[in-house]
PDB file of N, CA and C in Angstrom:
ATOM      1  N   MET A   1      95.279  79.841  97.202  1.00  0.00           N
ATOM      2  CA  MET A   1      96.350  80.017  96.788  1.00  0.00           C
ATOM      3  C   MET A   1      96.615  78.882  96.025  1.00  0.00           C
ATOM      4  N   ASN A   2      96.831  77.941  94.637  1.00  0.00           N
ATOM      5  CA  ASN A   2      97.240  76.694  94.580  1.00  0.00           C
ATOM      6  C   ASN A   2      98.945  77.075  94.595  1.00  0.00           C
ATOM      7  N   ASP A   3      99.196  75.567  94.614  1.00  0.00           N
ATOM      8  CA  ASP A   3     100.552  74.959  95.003  1.00  0.00           C
ATOM      9  C   ASP A   3     101.552  76.265  93.659  1.00  0.00           C
ATOM     10  N   THR A   4     101.189  75.914  91.987  1.00  0.00           N
ATOM     11  CA  THR A   4     101.506  76.102  90.821  1.00  0.00           C
ATOM     12  C   THR A   4     101.658  77.604  90.914  1.00  0.00           C
ATOM     13  N   LEU A   5     100.662  78.224  91.523  1.00  0.00           N
ATOM     14  CA  LEU A   5     100.125  79.748  90.643  1.00  0.00           C
ATOM     15  C   LEU A   5     101.530  80.922  91.773  1.00  0.00           C
ATOM     16  N   LYS A   6     101.714  79.536  93.267  1.00  0.00           N
ATOM     17  CA  LYS A   6     102.551  80.137  94.084  1.00  0.00           C
ATOM     18  C   LYS A   6     103.926  80.077  93.267  1.00  0.00           C
ATOM     19  N   ASP A   7     104.314  78.831  93.096  1.00  0.00           N
ATOM     20  CA  ASP A   7     105.354  79.086  92.001  1.00  0.00           C
ATOM     21  C   ASP A   7     105.492  79.465  90.807  1.00  0.00           C
ATOM     22  N   LEU A   8     104.560  80.002  89.605  1.00  0.00           N
ATOM     23  CA  LEU A   8     104.899  80.765  88.687  1.00  0.00           C
ATOM     24  C   LEU A   8     105.432  81.981  89.982  1.00  0.00           C
ATOM     25  N   LEU A   9     104.549  82.801  90.464  1.00  0.00           N
ATOM     26  CA  LEU A   9     104.395  84.367  90.933  1.00  0.00           C
ATOM     27  C   LEU A   9     106.154  84.297  91.724  1.00  0.00           C
ATOM     28  N   PHE A  10     107.002  83.148  92.376  1.00  0.00           N
ATOM     29  CA  PHE A  10     107.854  83.271  92.652  1.00  0.00           C
ATOM     30  C   PHE A  10     108.920  82.872  91.951  1.00  0.00           C
ATOM     31  N   GLY A  11     108.821  81.948  90.316  1.00  0.00           N
ATOM     32  CA  GLY A  11     109.197  82.567  89.647  1.00  0.00           C
ATOM     33  C   GLY A  11     109.515  83.454  88.381  1.00  0.00           C
ATOM     34  N   ILE A  12     108.452  83.936  88.343  1.00  0.00           N
ATOM     35  CA  ILE A  12     107.978  85.234  87.897  1.00  0.00           C
ATOM     36  C   ILE A  12     109.177  86.772  88.246  1.00  0.00           C
ATOM     37  N   VAL A  13     108.806  86.449  89.962  1.00  0.00           N
ATOM     38  CA  VAL A  13     109.697  87.832  90.288  1.00  0.00           C
ATOM     39  C   VAL A  13     111.453  87.721  90.487  1.00  0.00           C
ATOM     40  N   ILE A  14     112.208  86.044  90.581  1.00  0.00           N
ATOM     41  CA  ILE A  14     113.281  85.989  90.573  1.00  0.00           C
ATOM     42  C   ILE A  14     113.571  85.754  89.162  1.00  0.00           C
ATOM     43  N   SER A  15     112.571  85.584  88.385  1.00  0.00           N
ATOM     44  CA  SER A  15     113.805  86.060  86.381  1.00  0.00           C
ATOM     45  C   SER A  15     113.544  87.605  86.350  1.00  0.00           C
ATOM     46  N   ALA A  16     112.680  88.185  87.297  1.00  0.00           N
ATOM     47  CA  ALA A  16     112.885  89.628  86.834  1.00  0.00           C
ATOM     48  C   ALA A  16     114.556  90.739  88.092  1.00  0.00           C
ATOM     49  N   VAL A  17     114.461  89.992  88.949  1.00  0.00           N
ATOM     50  CA  VAL A  17     115.349  90.214  89.986  1.00  0.00           C
ATOM     51  C   VAL A  17     116.300  89.930  88.806  1.00  0.00           C
ATOM     52  N   ILE A  18     116.469  88.191  88.314  1.00  0.00           N
ATOM     53  CA  ILE A  18     118.294  87.849  87.816  1.00  0.00           C
ATOM     54  C   ILE A  18     117.956  88.868  86.534  1.00  0.00           C
ATOM     55  N   VAL A  19     116.977  89.362  85.703  1.00  0.00           N
ATOM     56  CA  VAL A  19     117.048  90.259  84.338  1.00  0.00           C
ATOM     57  C   VAL A  19     117.605  91.645  85.032  1.00  0.00           C
ATOM     58  N   SER A  20     116.912  92.151  85.827  1.00  0.00           N
ATOM     59  CA  SER A  20     117.229  93.834  86.097  1.00  0.00           C
ATOM     60  C   SER A  20     118.927  93.874  86.531  1.00  0.00           C
ATOM     61  N   ILE A  21     119.230  92.814  87.458  1.00  0.00           N
ATOM     62  CA  ILE A  21     120.718  92.144  87.472  1.00  0.00           C
ATOM     63  C   ILE A  21     121.827  92.731  86.505  1.00  0.00           C
ATOM     64  N   ILE A  22     121.074  90.980  85.947  1.00  0.00           N
ATOM     65  CA  ILE A  22     122.058  91.352  84.237  1.00  0.00           C
ATOM     66  C   ILE A  22     122.451  92.635  83.014  1.00  0.00           C
ATOM     67  N   GLY A  23     120.412  93.625  83.153  1.00  0.00           N
ATOM     68  CA  GLY A  23     120.405  94.179  81.964  1.00  0.00           C
ATOM     69  C   GLY A  23     120.852  95.143  82.567  1.00  0.00           C
ATOM     70  N   MET A  24     121.157  96.358  84.337  1.00  0.00           N
ATOM     71  CA  MET A  24     121.833  96.504  84.517  1.00  0.00           C
ATOM     72  C   MET A  24     123.178  97.038  84.543  1.00  0.00           C
ATOM     73  N   MET A  25     124.027  95.644  83.997  1.00  0.00           N
ATOM     74  CA  MET A  25     125.571  95.951  83.627  1.00  0.00           C
ATOM     75  C   MET A  25     125.616  96.496  82.771  1.00  0.00           C
ATOM     76  N   LEU A  26     124.432  95.808  81.865  1.00  0.00           N
ATOM     77  CA  LEU A  26     124.537  96.280  80.409  1.00  0.00           C
ATOM     78  C   LEU A  26     124.186  96.892  79.089  1.00  0.00           C
ATOM     79  N   THR A  27     123.561  98.359  80.348  1.00  0.00           N
ATOM     80  CA  THR A  27     123.053  99.111  79.724  1.00  0.00           C
ATOM     81  C   THR A  27     123.218 100.463  80.484  1.00  0.00           C
ATOM     82  N   ASP A  28     122.518 101.640  79.660  1.00  0.00           N
ATOM     83  CA  ASP A  28     123.013 102.843  79.859  1.00  0.00           C
ATOM     84  C   ASP A  28     122.107 104.248  80.600  1.00  0.00           C
ATOM     85  N   ASN A  29     120.708 103.478  80.547  1.00  0.00           N
ATOM     86  CA  ASN A  29     119.784 103.690  80.982  1.00  0.00           C
ATOM     87  C   ASN A  29     119.261 102.950  81.740  1.00  0.00           C
ATOM     88  N   LYS A  30     119.530 102.636  82.710  1.00  0.00           N
ATOM     89  CA  LYS A  30     119.077 102.356  84.085  1.00  0.00           C
ATOM     90  C   LYS A  30     117.915 101.932  84.631  1.00  0.00           C
ATOM     91  N   VAL A  31     117.335 102.980  84.845  1.00  0.00           N
ATOM     92  CA  VAL A  31     116.284 103.334  85.415  1.00  0.00           C
ATOM     93  C   VAL A  31     114.522 103.001  84.404  1.00  0.00           C
ATOM     94  N   THR A  32     115.464 103.572  83.239  1.00  0.00           N
ATOM     95  CA  THR A  32     114.266 103.445  81.855  1.00  0.00           C
ATOM     96  C   THR A  32     114.227 101.670  82.058  1.00  0.00           C
ATOM     97  N   TYR A  33     115.499 101.564  81.853  1.00  0.00           N
ATOM     98  CA  TYR A  33     114.871  99.425  81.832  1.00  0.00           C
ATOM     99  C   TYR A  33     115.004  99.076  82.631  1.00  0.00           C
ATOM    100  N   LEU A  34     114.900  99.858  84.104  1.00  0.00           N
ATOM    101  CA  LEU A  34     113.946  98.502  85.542  1.00  0.00           C
ATOM    102  C   LEU A  34     112.594  99.138  85.614  1.00  0.00           C
ATOM    103  N   LEU A  35     112.397 100.371  84.575  1.00  0.00           N
ATOM    104  CA  LEU A  35     110.591 100.283  84.378  1.00  0.00           C
ATOM    105  C   LEU A  35     110.162  99.677  83.492  1.00  0.00           C
ATOM    106  N   GLY A  36     111.034  99.457  82.875  1.00  0.00           N
ATOM    107  CA  GLY A  36     110.594  98.439  81.591  1.00  0.00           C
ATOM    108  C   GLY A  36     110.515  96.889  82.408  1.00  0.00           C
ATOM    109  N   VAL A  37     111.621  96.582  82.798  1.00  0.00           N
ATOM    110  CA  VAL A  37     111.440  95.210  83.545  1.00  0.00           C
ATOM    111  C   VAL A  37     110.000  94.974  84.076  1.00  0.00           C
ATOM    112  N   LEU A  38     110.262  96.431  85.269  1.00  0.00           N
ATOM    113  CA  LEU A  38     108.557  96.042  86.100  1.00  0.00           C
ATOM    114  C   LEU A  38     106.888  96.621  85.059  1.00  0.00           C
ATOM    115  N   LEU A  39     107.354  97.094  84.209  1.00  0.00           N
ATOM    116  CA  LEU A  39     105.796  96.971  83.662  1.00  0.00           C
ATOM    117  C   LEU A  39     105.526  95.699  82.719  1.00  0.00           C
ATOM    118  N   GLY A  40     106.634  94.624  82.339  1.00  0.00           N
ATOM    119  CA  GLY A  40     106.538  93.041  81.646  1.00  0.00           C
ATOM    120  C   GLY A  40     106.390  92.299  82.888  1.00  0.00           C
ATOM    121  N   THR A  41     107.527  92.605  84.161  1.00  0.00           N
ATOM    122  CA  THR A  41     106.840  91.363  85.548  1.00  0.00           C
ATOM    123  C   THR A  41     105.307  91.721  85.685  1.00  0.00           C
ATOM    124  N   VAL A  42     105.051  93.212  86.257  1.00  0.00           N
ATOM    125  CA  VAL A  42     102.992  93.414  86.371  1.00  0.00           C
ATOM    126  C   VAL A  42     102.729  92.709  85.725  1.00  0.00           C
ATOM    127  N   ILE A  43     102.741  93.073  84.241  1.00  0.00           N
ATOM    128  CA  ILE A  43     101.947  92.126  83.195  1.00  0.00           C
ATOM    129  C   ILE A  43     102.275  90.939  83.091  1.00  0.00           C
ATOM    130  N   ALA A  44     103.608  90.008  83.476  1.00  0.00           N
ATOM    131  CA  ALA A  44     102.856  88.945  83.508  1.00  0.00           C
ATOM    132  C   ALA A  44     102.356  88.397  84.877  1.00  0.00           C
ATOM    133  N   ILE A  45     102.407  89.061  86.011  1.00  0.00           N
ATOM    134  CA  ILE A  45     101.683  88.672  87.349  1.00  0.00           C
ATOM    135  C   ILE A  45     100.456  88.579  86.784  1.00  0.00           C
ATOM    136  N   MET A  46      99.722  89.832  86.697  1.00  0.00           N
ATOM    137  CA  MET A  46      98.558  89.813  85.674  1.00  0.00           C
ATOM    138  C   MET A  46      97.715  88.697  84.876  1.00  0.00           C
ATOM    139  N   LEU A  47      98.775  88.325  84.280  1.00  0.00           N
ATOM    140  CA  LEU A  47      98.909  86.939  83.288  1.00  0.00           C
ATOM    141  C   LEU A  47      98.092  86.086  84.068  1.00  0.00           C
ATOM    142  N   VAL A  48      99.224  85.706  84.665  1.00  0.00           N
ATOM    143  CA  VAL A  48      99.388  84.408  85.293  1.00  0.00           C
ATOM    144  C   VAL A  48      97.783  84.167  86.281  1.00  0.00           C
ATOM    145  N   ILE A  49      97.525  85.095  86.521  1.00  0.00           N
ATOM    146  CA  ILE A  49      96.578  85.345  87.817  1.00  0.00           C
ATOM    147  C   ILE A  49      95.508  84.671  87.373  1.00  0.00           C
ATOM    148  N   HIS A  50      95.433  85.441  85.610  1.00  0.00           N
ATOM    149  CA  HIS A  50      93.953  85.274  85.115  1.00  0.00           C
ATOM    150  C   HIS A  50      94.139  84.075  83.842  1.00  0.00           C
ATOM    151  N   LEU A  51      95.419  83.490  84.019  1.00  0.00           N
ATOM    152  CA  LEU A  51      94.879  82.506  83.740  1.00  0.00           C
ATOM    153  C   LEU A  51      94.666  81.049  84.269  1.00  0.00           C
ATOM    154  N   ASN A  52      94.522  80.902  86.088  1.00  0.00           N
ATOM    155  CA  ASN A  52      94.634  80.408  86.799  1.00  0.00           C
ATOM    156  C   ASN A  52      93.215  80.496  86.959  1.00  0.00           C
ATOM    157  N   ALA A  53      92.859  81.819  86.828  1.00  0.00           N
ATOM    158  CA  ALA A  53      91.178  82.040  87.196  1.00  0.00           C
ATOM    159  C   ALA A  53      91.312  81.350  85.608  1.00  0.00           C
ATOM    160  N   THR A  54      91.089  82.200  84.887  1.00  0.00           N
ATOM    161  CA  THR A  54      90.399  80.822  83.299  1.00  0.00           C
ATOM    162  C   THR A  54      90.359  79.642  83.769  1.00  0.00           C
ATOM    163  N   ILE A  55      91.217  79.000  83.878  1.00  0.00           N
ATOM    164  CA  ILE A  55      91.578  77.140  84.224  1.00  0.00           C
ATOM    165  C   ILE A  55      89.863  76.975  85.199  1.00  0.00           C
ATOM    166  N   SER A  56      90.321  78.274  86.592  1.00  0.00           N
ATOM    167  CA  SER A  56      89.073  77.081  88.021  1.00  0.00           C
ATOM    168  C   SER A  56      88.005  77.455  86.662  1.00  0.00           C
ATOM    169  N   LYS A  57      87.587  78.762  85.983  1.00  0.00           N
ATOM    170  CA  LYS A  57      86.281  78.476  85.802  1.00  0.00           C
ATOM    171  C   LYS A  57      85.940  77.970  84.635  1.00  0.00           C
ATOM    172  N   ALA A  58      86.582  77.541  84.321  1.00  0.00           N
ATOM    173  CA  ALA A  58      86.292  76.616  82.731  1.00  0.00           C
ATOM    174  C   ALA A  58      86.443  75.034  83.279  1.00  0.00           C
ATOM    175  N   LEU A  59      87.148  75.024  84.329  1.00  0.00           N
ATOM    176  CA  LEU A  59      86.926  73.232  84.685  1.00  0.00           C
ATOM    177  C   LEU A  59      85.318  72.777  85.225  1.00  0.00           C
ATOM    178  N   ASP A  60      84.474  73.856  85.216  1.00  0.00           N
ATOM    179  CA  ASP A  60      82.884  73.967  85.758  1.00  0.00           C
ATOM    180  C   ASP A  60      82.493  73.765  84.559  1.00  0.00           C
ATOM    181  N   MET A  61      82.652  74.217  83.325  1.00  0.00           N
ATOM    182  CA  MET A  61      82.124  74.421  82.149  1.00  0.00           C
ATOM    183  C   MET A  61      81.876  73.248  81.570  1.00  0.00           C
ATOM    184  N   THR A  62      81.094  72.383  80.679  1.00  0.00           N
ATOM    185  CA  THR A  62      80.831  71.172  79.371  1.00  0.00           C
ATOM    186  C   THR A  62      82.335  72.390  78.658  1.00  0.00           C
ATOM    187  N   ALA A  63      82.769  70.538  77.963  1.00  0.00           N
ATOM    188  CA  ALA A  63      83.674  70.745  77.181  1.00  0.00           C
ATOM    189  C   ALA A  63      84.101  71.208  76.175  1.00  0.00           C
ATOM    190  N   GLU A  64      82.585  71.743  75.800  1.00  0.00           N
ATOM    191  CA  GLU A  64      82.657  72.974  74.196  1.00  0.00           C
ATOM    192  C   GLU A  64      83.055  74.302  74.511  1.00  0.00           C
ATOM    193  N   GLY A  65      82.171  74.543  76.024  1.00  0.00           N
ATOM    194  CA  GLY A  65      81.952  75.568  76.644  1.00  0.00           C
ATOM    195  C   GLY A  65      83.182  76.223  77.164  1.00  0.00           C
ATOM    196  N   ALA A  66      84.121  75.206  78.039  1.00  0.00           N
ATOM    197  CA  ALA A  66      85.472  75.661  78.441  1.00  0.00           C
ATOM    198  C   ALA A  66      86.150  76.069  76.469  1.00  0.00           C
ATOM    199  N   THR A  67      86.300  74.761  75.689  1.00  0.00           N
ATOM    200  CA  THR A  67      87.076  75.091  75.171  1.00  0.00           C
ATOM    201  C   THR A  67      86.909  76.544  74.357  1.00  0.00           C
ATOM    202  N   ARG A  68      85.207  77.300  74.068  1.00  0.00           N
ATOM    203  CA  ARG A  68      85.323  78.420  73.304  1.00  0.00           C
ATOM    204  C   ARG A  68      85.774  79.341  74.692  1.00  0.00           C
ATOM    205  N   TYR A  69      85.167  79.465  75.490  1.00  0.00           N
ATOM    206  CA  TYR A  69      86.715  80.280  76.790  1.00  0.00           C
ATOM    207  C   TYR A  69      87.661  80.488  77.261  1.00  0.00           C
ATOM    208  N   THR A  70      88.275  79.006  77.155  1.00  0.00           N
ATOM    209  CA  THR A  70      89.291  79.457  77.138  1.00  0.00           C
ATOM    210  C   THR A  70      90.024  80.082  75.493  1.00  0.00           C
ATOM    211  N   LYS A  71      89.727  79.787  74.820  1.00  0.00           N
ATOM    212  CA  LYS A  71      90.131  81.015  73.478  1.00  0.00           C
ATOM    213  C   LYS A  71      90.174  81.648  73.796  1.00  0.00           C
ATOM    214  N   LYS A  72      88.950  82.453  73.791  1.00  0.00           N
ATOM    215  CA  LYS A  72      88.672  83.706  74.419  1.00  0.00           C
ATOM    216  C   LYS A  72      89.168  84.848  75.163  1.00  0.00           C
ATOM    217  N   MET A  73      89.994  84.017  76.206  1.00  0.00           N
ATOM    218  CA  MET A  73      91.049  84.270  77.800  1.00  0.00           C
ATOM    219  C   MET A  73      92.708  84.208  77.017  1.00  0.00           C
ATOM    220  N   ALA A  74      92.642  83.609  76.240  1.00  0.00           N
ATOM    221  CA  ALA A  74      94.296  83.732  75.460  1.00  0.00           C
ATOM    222  C   ALA A  74      94.459  84.606  74.680  1.00  0.00           C
ATOM    223  N   ILE A  75      92.714  84.760  73.440  1.00  0.00           N
ATOM    224  CA  ILE A  75      93.218  86.622  72.828  1.00  0.00           C
ATOM    225  C   ILE A  75      93.691  87.322  73.776  1.00  0.00           C
ATOM    226  N   LEU A  76      92.453  87.837  74.555  1.00  0.00           N
ATOM    227  CA  LEU A  76      92.679  88.582  75.724  1.00  0.00           C
ATOM    228  C   LEU A  76      94.118  88.749  75.806  1.00  0.00           C
ATOM    229  N   ARG A  77      94.662  88.122  77.479  1.00  0.00           N
ATOM    230  CA  ARG A  77      96.129  88.046  77.608  1.00  0.00           C
ATOM    231  C   ARG A  77      96.386  88.155  76.284  1.00  0.00           C
ATOM    232  N   ILE A  78      97.041  87.415  74.898  1.00  0.00           N
ATOM    233  CA  ILE A  78      97.365  88.041  73.841  1.00  0.00           C
ATOM    234  C   ILE A  78      97.456  89.790  73.762  1.00  0.00           C
ATOM    235  N   ILE A  79      96.422  90.133  74.098  1.00  0.00           N
ATOM    236  CA  ILE A  79      96.175  91.845  73.580  1.00  0.00           C
ATOM    237  C   ILE A  79      96.673  92.371  75.040  1.00  0.00           C
ATOM    238  N   ILE A  80      96.350  92.287  76.338  1.00  0.00           N
ATOM    239  CA  ILE A  80      97.204  92.341  77.269  1.00  0.00           C
ATOM    240  C   ILE A  80      98.640  92.676  77.019  1.00  0.00           C
ATOM    241  N   MET A  81      99.637  91.491  76.574  1.00  0.00           N
ATOM    242  CA  MET A  81     100.597  91.569  75.811  1.00  0.00           C
ATOM    243  C   MET A  81     101.212  93.009  75.006  1.00  0.00           C
ATOM    244  N   GLY A  82     100.441  92.366  74.137  1.00  0.00           N
ATOM    245  CA  GLY A  82     100.616  93.851  73.271  1.00  0.00           C
ATOM    246  C   GLY A  82     100.368  94.681  73.578  1.00  0.00           C
ATOM    247  N   CYS A  83      99.375  95.481  74.444  1.00  0.00           N
ATOM    248  CA  CYS A  83      99.413  96.514  74.942  1.00  0.00           C
ATOM    249  C   CYS A  83     100.552  96.749  75.372  1.00  0.00           C
ATOM    250  N   ALA A  84     100.821  95.921  76.358  1.00  0.00           N
ATOM    251  CA  ALA A  84     102.324  96.690  76.912  1.00  0.00           C
ATOM    252  C   ALA A  84     103.055  96.772  76.401  1.00  0.00           C
ATOM    253  N   VAL A  85     103.277  96.115  74.961  1.00  0.00           N
ATOM    254  CA  VAL A  85     104.069  96.585  74.318  1.00  0.00           C
ATOM    255  C   VAL A  85     104.308  98.058  73.345  1.00  0.00           C
ATOM    256  N   VAL A  86     102.995  98.304  72.875  1.00  0.00           N
ATOM    257  CA  VAL A  86     102.673  99.538  72.824  1.00  0.00           C
ATOM    258  C   VAL A  86     103.004  99.755  73.369  1.00  0.00           C
ATOM    259  N   ILE A  87     102.403 100.138  75.100  1.00  0.00           N
ATOM    260  CA  ILE A  87     102.532 101.157  76.258  1.00  0.00           C
ATOM    261  C   ILE A  87     104.119 101.565  76.036  1.00  0.00           C
ATOM    262  N   ALA A  88     105.436 100.849  76.065  1.00  0.00           N
ATOM    263  CA  ALA A  88     106.251 101.315  76.090  1.00  0.00           C
ATOM    264  C   ALA A  88     107.225 101.146  74.826  1.00  0.00           C
ATOM    265  N   LEU A  89     106.749 101.260  73.537  1.00  0.00           N
ATOM    266  CA  LEU A  89     106.996 102.172  72.209  1.00  0.00           C
ATOM    267  C   LEU A  89     105.993 103.321  72.664  1.00  0.00           C
ATOM    268  N   THR A  90     105.413 103.523  73.062  1.00  0.00           N
ATOM    269  CA  THR A  90     104.944 104.828  72.790  1.00  0.00           C
ATOM    270  C   THR A  90     105.936 105.920  73.821  1.00  0.00           C
ATOM    271  N   PHE A  91     106.088 105.227  75.295  1.00  0.00           N
ATOM    272  CA  PHE A  91     106.075 106.271  76.215  1.00  0.00           C
ATOM    273  C   PHE A  91     107.947 105.186  76.730  1.00  0.00           C
ATOM    274  N   SER A  92     109.019 105.692  75.772  1.00  0.00           N
ATOM    275  CA  SER A  92     109.963 104.814  75.192  1.00  0.00           C
ATOM    276  C   SER A  92     111.362 105.597  76.212  1.00  0.00           C
ATOM    277  N   GLU A  93     110.827 107.005  76.998  1.00  0.00           N
ATOM    278  CA  GLU A  93     111.578 108.128  77.059  1.00  0.00           C
ATOM    279  C   GLU A  93     111.441 107.814  78.831  1.00  0.00           C
ATOM    280  N   VAL A  94     110.199 106.738  79.089  1.00  0.00           N
ATOM    281  CA  VAL A  94     110.561 105.576  80.220  1.00  0.00           C
ATOM    282  C   VAL A  94     110.321 104.342  80.616  1.00  0.00           C
ATOM    283  N   PHE A  95     109.888 103.684  79.960  1.00  0.00           N
ATOM    284  CA  PHE A  95     110.179 102.096  79.775  1.00  0.00           C
ATOM    285  C   PHE A  95     111.307 101.623  78.084  1.00  0.00           C
ATOM    286  N   SER A  96     111.329 100.813  78.943  1.00  0.00           N
ATOM    287  CA  SER A  96     112.576 100.571  78.071  1.00  0.00           C
ATOM    288  C   SER A  96     111.792  99.117  77.638  1.00  0.00           C
ATOM    289  N   LEU A  97     111.622  98.877  76.082  1.00  0.00           N
ATOM    290  CA  LEU A  97     111.467  97.616  75.482  1.00  0.00           C
ATOM    291  C   LEU A  97     111.673  96.191  75.784  1.00  0.00           C
ATOM    292  N   VAL A  98     112.920  96.314  75.678  1.00  0.00           N
ATOM    293  CA  VAL A  98     113.897  95.190  75.629  1.00  0.00           C
ATOM    294  C   VAL A  98     112.850  95.247  77.338  1.00  0.00           C
ATOM    295  N   GLY A  99     113.510  95.868  77.984  1.00  0.00           N
ATOM    296  CA  GLY A  99     113.058  95.127  79.280  1.00  0.00           C
ATOM    297  C   GLY A  99     111.501  94.928  79.644  1.00  0.00           C
ATOM    298  N   THR A 100     110.463  95.837  79.431  1.00  0.00           N
ATOM    299  CA  THR A 100     109.568  95.208  78.791  1.00  0.00           C
ATOM    300  C   THR A 100     109.191  93.576  78.671  1.00  0.00           C
ATOM    301  N   ILE A 101     109.609  93.151  77.783  1.00  0.00           N
ATOM    302  CA  ILE A 101     109.319  92.132  77.356  1.00  0.00           C
ATOM    303  C   ILE A 101     110.276  91.107  77.235  1.00  0.00           C
ATOM    304  N   LEU A 102     111.393  91.074  78.566  1.00  0.00           N
ATOM    305  CA  LEU A 102     111.958  91.093  78.907  1.00  0.00           C
ATOM    306  C   LEU A 102     110.869  90.964  80.840  1.00  0.00           C
ATOM    307  N   GLY A 103     110.678  91.024  80.730  1.00  0.00           N
ATOM    308  CA  GLY A 103     109.864  90.978  82.453  1.00  0.00           C
ATOM    309  C   GLY A 103     108.516  90.917  81.840  1.00  0.00           C
ATOM    310  N   ILE A 104     107.887  90.409  80.866  1.00  0.00           N
ATOM    311  CA  ILE A 104     106.596  89.430  80.118  1.00  0.00           C
ATOM    312  C   ILE A 104     107.529  88.105  79.988  1.00  0.00           C
ATOM    313  N   LEU A 105     108.599  87.998  79.381  1.00  0.00           N
ATOM    314  CA  LEU A 105     109.232  86.795  79.572  1.00  0.00           C
ATOM    315  C   LEU A 105     109.348  85.819  80.841  1.00  0.00           C
ATOM    316  N   GLY A 106     109.558  87.013  81.773  1.00  0.00           N
ATOM    317  CA  GLY A 106     109.204  86.276  82.990  1.00  0.00           C
ATOM    318  C   GLY A 106     108.679  84.765  83.192  1.00  0.00           C
ATOM    319  N   LEU A 107     107.166  84.992  82.504  1.00  0.00           N
ATOM    320  CA  LEU A 107     106.349  83.732  82.926  1.00  0.00           C
ATOM    321  C   LEU A 107     106.928  83.183  82.289  1.00  0.00           C
ATOM    322  N   LYS A 108     107.172  82.513  81.513  1.00  0.00           N
ATOM    323  CA  LYS A 108     107.725  82.112  80.486  1.00  0.00           C
ATOM    324  C   LYS A 108     109.171  81.351  81.048  1.00  0.00           C
ATOM    325  N   PHE A 109     110.195  81.806  81.477  1.00  0.00           N
ATOM    326  CA  PHE A 109     111.101  81.947  82.114  1.00  0.00           C
ATOM    327  C   PHE A 109     110.009  80.552  83.546  1.00  0.00           C
ATOM    328  N   SER A 110     109.218  81.262  84.384  1.00  0.00           N
ATOM    329  CA  SER A 110     109.064  80.415  85.314  1.00  0.00           C
ATOM    330  C   SER A 110     108.241  78.982  85.084  1.00  0.00           C
ATOM    331  N   ALA A 111     107.427  78.897  84.176  1.00  0.00           N
ATOM    332  CA  ALA A 111     106.896  78.228  83.734  1.00  0.00           C
ATOM    333  C   ALA A 111     107.640  76.724  83.002  1.00  0.00           C
ATOM    334  N   TYR A 112     108.627  77.134  82.599  1.00  0.00           N
ATOM    335  CA  TYR A 112     109.767  76.402  82.620  1.00  0.00           C
ATOM    336  C   TYR A 112     109.994  75.464  83.791  1.00  0.00           C
ATOM    337  N   LEU A 113     110.407  76.324  84.902  1.00  0.00           N
ATOM    338  CA  LEU A 113     111.542  76.034  85.756  1.00  0.00           C
ATOM    339  C   LEU A 113     110.201  75.811  87.351  1.00  0.00           C
ATOM    340  N   GLN A 114     109.195  75.124  86.780  1.00  0.00           N
ATOM    341  CA  GLN A 114     107.938  75.334  87.262  1.00  0.00           C
ATOM    342  C   GLN A 114     108.070  74.203  88.571  1.00  0.00           C
ATOM    343  N   PRO A 115     108.655  72.908  88.119  1.00  0.00           N
ATOM    344  CA  PRO A 115     108.845  71.937  88.337  1.00  0.00           C
ATOM    345  C   PRO A 115     110.014  71.847  89.852  1.00  0.00           C
ATOM    346  N   LEU A 116     111.302  71.958  89.436  1.00  0.00           N
ATOM    347  CA  LEU A 116     112.239  72.736  90.413  1.00  0.00           C
ATOM    348  C   LEU A 116     111.455  74.057  91.101  1.00  0.00           C
ATOM    349  N   THR A 117     110.983  74.594  90.831  1.00  0.00           N
ATOM    350  CA  THR A 117     110.596  75.794  92.379  1.00  0.00           C
ATOM    351  C   THR A 117     109.857  75.283  92.813  1.00  0.00           C
ATOM    352  N   ASN A 118     108.973  74.385  92.619  1.00  0.00           N
ATOM    353  CA  ASN A 118     108.130  73.567  94.005  1.00  0.00           C
ATOM    354  C   ASN A 118     108.732  72.244  94.120  1.00  0.00           C
ATOM    355  N   LYS A 119     109.852  72.492  93.972  1.00  0.00           N
ATOM    356  CA  LYS A 119     110.019  71.101  94.720  1.00  0.00           C
ATOM    357  C   LYS A 119     111.659  72.125  95.261  1.00  0.00           C
ATOM    358  N   PHE A 120     112.385  72.508  95.317  1.00  0.00           N
ATOM    359  CA  PHE A 120     113.055  72.914  95.833  1.00  0.00           C
ATOM    360  C   PHE A 120     112.632  74.402  97.184  1.00  0.00           C
ATOM    361  N   ILE A 121     112.087  75.256  96.066  1.00  0.00           N
ATOM    362  CA  ILE A 121     112.266  76.523  97.414  1.00  0.00           C
ATOM    363  C   ILE A 121     110.241  76.815  97.350  1.00  0.00           C
ATOM    364  N   THR A 122     109.699  76.626  96.857  1.00  0.00           N
ATOM    365  CA  THR A 122     108.648  76.841  97.638  1.00  0.00           C
ATOM    366  C   THR A 122     107.619  75.819  99.003  1.00  0.00           C
ATOM    367  N   LYS A 123     108.002  74.788  98.206  1.00  0.00           N
ATOM    368  CA  LYS A 123     107.720  74.074  98.891  1.00  0.00           C
ATOM    369  C   LYS A 123     108.176  74.139 100.974  1.00  0.00           C
ATOM    370  N   LYS A 124     109.670  75.054 100.394  1.00  0.00           N
ATOM    371  CA  LYS A 124     110.055  75.037 102.057  1.00  0.00           C
ATOM    372  C   LYS A 124     109.695  76.214 102.087  1.00  0.00           C
ATOM    373  N   ILE A 125     108.972  76.978 101.925  1.00  0.00           N
ATOM    374  CA  ILE A 125     109.064  78.312 102.080  1.00  0.00           C
ATOM    375  C   ILE A 125     107.140  78.195 102.209  1.00  0.00           C
ATOM    376  N   PHE A 126     106.200  77.694 101.692  1.00  0.00           N
ATOM    377  CA  PHE A 126     105.096  78.160 102.111  1.00  0.00           C
ATOM    378  C   PHE A 126     105.126  76.555 102.372  1.00  0.00           C
TER     379      PHE A 126
END
């Protein structure tokens, strides 16, 4: 597992904890909210692992093949995110839509903070 993947996974988990704590103070239905954040976090983790595998595979392809492959895989990741949102909407008594979206956005949060996470946290832990 490369350092960037470790940083992103660590950042996703940390953002999920932060979003969960803040959301627990603001929401009435805490269990539904936490399950939504959990669903979104699991999806975010799957997406970042898939993105890492996609990049690794694309590096062994021609430029044209890599471009085509990465576009297909990006569309697949968008579909997966859409499915998570549909699941949260369909089972709204179990999963909070807001929690699910915030869990998925943990990937974005993690990506923005990756340089800092690497410098100050994961290099010292791993």
